Amino acid sequence: MMKKMISAALVAGGLLLLYFGYQESQSLGSEIEEAITGSPDSSVMWMIIGGAIATIAGLVGLFYKK
């Protein structure tokens, strides 16, 4: 039961990171930086990567039968 709660928290946290990473990538400051440097802000990339990993890990924990 505790494993399922941790997995659900990982999914929720991962989805929040994905949401905030997307919102940050669409901000004016981030768009200007991307236009100047040609690559997205590193904090945006870390939020999106971390959110994807946490979400996938949480889903695996929720649906993996052992």
N, C-alpha and C. Protein backbone atom coordinates (compact mmCIF):
# COMPACT_ATOMS: atom_id res chain seq x y z
N MET A 1 0.82 -1.19 0.00
CA MET A 1 0.00 0.00 0.00
C MET A 1 0.87 1.26 0.00
N MET A 2 1.96 1.23 0.78
CA MET A 2 2.85 2.38 0.85
C MET A 2 3.52 2.63 -0.50
N LYS A 3 3.83 1.55 -1.22
CA LYS A 3 4.45 1.68 -2.54
C LYS A 3 3.51 2.39 -3.51
N LYS A 4 2.22 2.08 -3.43
CA LYS A 4 1.25 2.73 -4.32
C LYS A 4 1.12 4.21 -4.00
N MET A 5 1.19 4.57 -2.72
CA MET A 5 1.09 5.99 -2.35
C MET A 5 2.30 6.76 -2.83
N ILE A 6 3.47 6.16 -2.71
CA ILE A 6 4.70 6.81 -3.20
C ILE A 6 4.64 6.96 -4.72
N SER A 7 4.17 5.93 -5.38
CA SER A 7 4.06 5.98 -6.84
C SER A 7 3.07 7.06 -7.28
N ALA A 8 1.94 7.16 -6.58
CA ALA A 8 0.96 8.20 -6.91
C ALA A 8 1.54 9.59 -6.67
N ALA A 9 2.34 9.75 -5.61
CA ALA A 9 2.98 11.04 -5.35
C ALA A 9 4.00 11.36 -6.44
N LEU A 10 4.71 10.35 -6.92
CA LEU A 10 5.65 10.58 -8.02
C LEU A 10 4.93 11.02 -9.29
N VAL A 11 3.81 10.40 -9.58
CA VAL A 11 3.03 10.79 -10.76
C VAL A 11 2.55 12.24 -10.62
N ALA A 12 2.00 12.57 -9.45
CA ALA A 12 1.50 13.93 -9.23
C ALA A 12 2.63 14.95 -9.30
N GLY A 13 3.75 14.66 -8.64
CA GLY A 13 4.88 15.58 -8.69
C GLY A 13 5.46 15.71 -10.09
N GLY A 14 5.53 14.60 -10.80
CA GLY A 14 6.04 14.63 -12.16
C GLY A 14 5.16 15.45 -13.09
N LEU A 15 3.85 15.30 -12.94
CA LEU A 15 2.94 16.08 -13.77
C LEU A 15 3.03 17.57 -13.44
N LEU A 16 3.21 17.89 -12.17
CA LEU A 16 3.40 19.30 -11.80
C LEU A 16 4.67 19.87 -12.42
N LEU A 17 5.76 19.10 -12.37
CA LEU A 17 7.00 19.56 -12.99
C LEU A 17 6.84 19.75 -14.49
N LEU A 18 6.15 18.83 -15.14
CA LEU A 18 5.91 18.97 -16.58
C LEU A 18 5.10 20.23 -16.87
N TYR A 19 4.07 20.47 -16.06
CA TYR A 19 3.22 21.65 -16.26
C TYR A 19 4.03 22.94 -16.08
N PHE A 20 4.78 23.03 -14.96
CA PHE A 20 5.55 24.24 -14.71
C PHE A 20 6.68 24.41 -15.73
N GLY A 21 7.27 23.32 -16.16
CA GLY A 21 8.29 23.40 -17.19
C GLY A 21 7.73 23.93 -18.50
N TYR A 22 6.55 23.46 -18.85
CA TYR A 22 5.91 23.95 -20.08
C TYR A 22 5.55 25.43 -19.95
N GLN A 23 4.98 25.81 -18.80
CA GLN A 23 4.62 27.22 -18.59
C GLN A 23 5.85 28.11 -18.68
N GLU A 24 6.94 27.66 -18.08
CA GLU A 24 8.18 28.44 -18.12
C GLU A 24 8.72 28.54 -19.54
N SER A 25 8.59 27.47 -20.32
CA SER A 25 9.10 27.51 -21.69
C SER A 25 8.31 28.47 -22.57
N GLN A 26 7.07 28.76 -22.18
CA GLN A 26 6.23 29.66 -22.96
C GLN A 26 6.31 31.12 -22.48
N SER A 27 7.09 31.37 -21.43
CA SER A 27 7.20 32.73 -20.90
C SER A 27 7.99 33.61 -21.86
N LEU A 28 7.77 34.90 -21.75
CA LEU A 28 8.43 35.86 -22.64
C LEU A 28 9.95 35.82 -22.47
N GLY A 29 10.41 35.77 -21.23
CA GLY A 29 11.85 35.74 -20.97
C GLY A 29 12.51 34.52 -21.57
N SER A 30 11.85 33.37 -21.43
CA SER A 30 12.40 32.13 -21.96
C SER A 30 12.42 32.16 -23.49
N GLU A 31 11.37 32.72 -24.09
CA GLU A 31 11.31 32.79 -25.55
C GLU A 31 12.40 33.72 -26.10
N ILE A 32 12.65 34.83 -25.40
CA ILE A 32 13.70 35.75 -25.83
C ILE A 32 15.07 35.08 -25.71
N GLU A 33 15.30 34.40 -24.57
CA GLU A 33 16.58 33.71 -24.38
C GLU A 33 16.79 32.64 -25.44
N GLU A 34 15.72 31.91 -25.76
CA GLU A 34 15.83 30.87 -26.78
C GLU A 34 16.12 31.47 -28.15
N ALA A 35 15.52 32.63 -28.44
CA ALA A 35 15.77 33.28 -29.72
C ALA A 35 17.22 33.76 -29.82
N ILE A 36 17.77 34.21 -28.71
CA ILE A 36 19.15 34.72 -28.72
C ILE A 36 20.16 33.58 -28.75
N THR A 37 19.98 32.59 -27.86
CA THR A 37 20.98 31.53 -27.73
C THR A 37 20.72 30.36 -28.67
N GLY A 38 19.49 30.20 -29.11
CA GLY A 38 19.16 29.09 -30.00
C GLY A 38 18.81 27.81 -29.27
N SER A 39 18.86 27.83 -27.93
CA SER A 39 18.50 26.64 -27.16
C SER A 39 17.65 27.06 -25.97
N PRO A 40 16.78 26.18 -25.51
CA PRO A 40 15.92 26.54 -24.38
C PRO A 40 16.72 26.66 -23.08
N ASP A 41 16.14 27.36 -22.12
CA ASP A 41 16.76 27.56 -20.81
C ASP A 41 17.01 26.21 -20.14
N SER A 42 18.13 26.08 -19.45
CA SER A 42 18.46 24.80 -18.84
C SER A 42 17.49 24.43 -17.72
N SER A 43 16.97 25.41 -16.98
CA SER A 43 16.02 25.08 -15.92
C SER A 43 14.73 24.51 -16.50
N VAL A 44 14.33 25.00 -17.66
CA VAL A 44 13.14 24.46 -18.32
C VAL A 44 13.38 23.01 -18.71
N MET A 45 14.53 22.75 -19.28
CA MET A 45 14.83 21.38 -19.70
C MET A 45 14.89 20.43 -18.51
N TRP A 46 15.49 20.86 -17.39
CA TRP A 46 15.57 20.00 -16.21
C TRP A 46 14.19 19.73 -15.62
N MET A 47 13.31 20.75 -15.64
CA MET A 47 11.95 20.53 -15.14
C MET A 47 11.21 19.52 -16.00
N ILE A 48 11.33 19.64 -17.30
CA ILE A 48 10.62 18.73 -18.20
C ILE A 48 11.20 17.32 -18.11
N ILE A 49 12.52 17.20 -18.10
CA ILE A 49 13.16 15.88 -18.00
C ILE A 49 12.83 15.24 -16.66
N GLY A 50 12.97 16.00 -15.58
CA GLY A 50 12.66 15.47 -14.26
C GLY A 50 11.20 15.08 -14.12
N GLY A 51 10.32 15.89 -14.67
CA GLY A 51 8.89 15.58 -14.63
C GLY A 51 8.56 14.32 -15.41
N ALA A 52 9.19 14.15 -16.55
CA ALA A 52 8.93 12.94 -17.35
C ALA A 52 9.44 11.70 -16.63
N ILE A 53 10.63 11.79 -16.05
CA ILE A 53 11.19 10.63 -15.34
C ILE A 53 10.33 10.28 -14.12
N ALA A 54 9.94 11.29 -13.35
CA ALA A 54 9.13 11.04 -12.16
C ALA A 54 7.76 10.45 -12.54
N THR A 55 7.15 10.96 -13.59
CA THR A 55 5.85 10.45 -14.02
C THR A 55 5.96 9.01 -14.48
N ILE A 56 6.96 8.71 -15.28
CA ILE A 56 7.14 7.34 -15.77
C ILE A 56 7.43 6.39 -14.61
N ALA A 57 8.30 6.81 -13.69
CA ALA A 57 8.61 5.96 -12.53
C ALA A 57 7.37 5.71 -11.69
N GLY A 58 6.57 6.74 -11.50
CA GLY A 58 5.33 6.58 -10.74
C GLY A 58 4.34 5.66 -11.41
N LEU A 59 4.19 5.78 -12.72
CA LEU A 59 3.27 4.92 -13.46
C LEU A 59 3.73 3.47 -13.42
N VAL A 60 5.04 3.27 -13.55
CA VAL A 60 5.57 1.90 -13.46
C VAL A 60 5.26 1.32 -12.08
N GLY A 61 5.47 2.13 -11.04
CA GLY A 61 5.18 1.67 -9.69
C GLY A 61 3.71 1.37 -9.46
N LEU A 62 2.85 2.13 -10.10
CA LEU A 62 1.41 1.90 -9.93
C LEU A 62 0.92 0.66 -10.65
N PHE A 63 1.46 0.40 -11.84
CA PHE A 63 0.92 -0.67 -12.67
C PHE A 63 1.74 -1.94 -12.69
N TYR A 64 2.94 -1.93 -12.10
CA TYR A 64 3.78 -3.12 -12.07
C TYR A 64 3.27 -4.07 -11.00
N LYS A 65 2.95 -5.27 -11.41
CA LYS A 65 2.46 -6.29 -10.47
C LYS A 65 3.63 -7.16 -10.04
N LYS A 66 3.80 -7.30 -8.74
CA LYS A 66 4.89 -8.14 -8.25
C LYS A 66 4.33 -9.19 -7.32
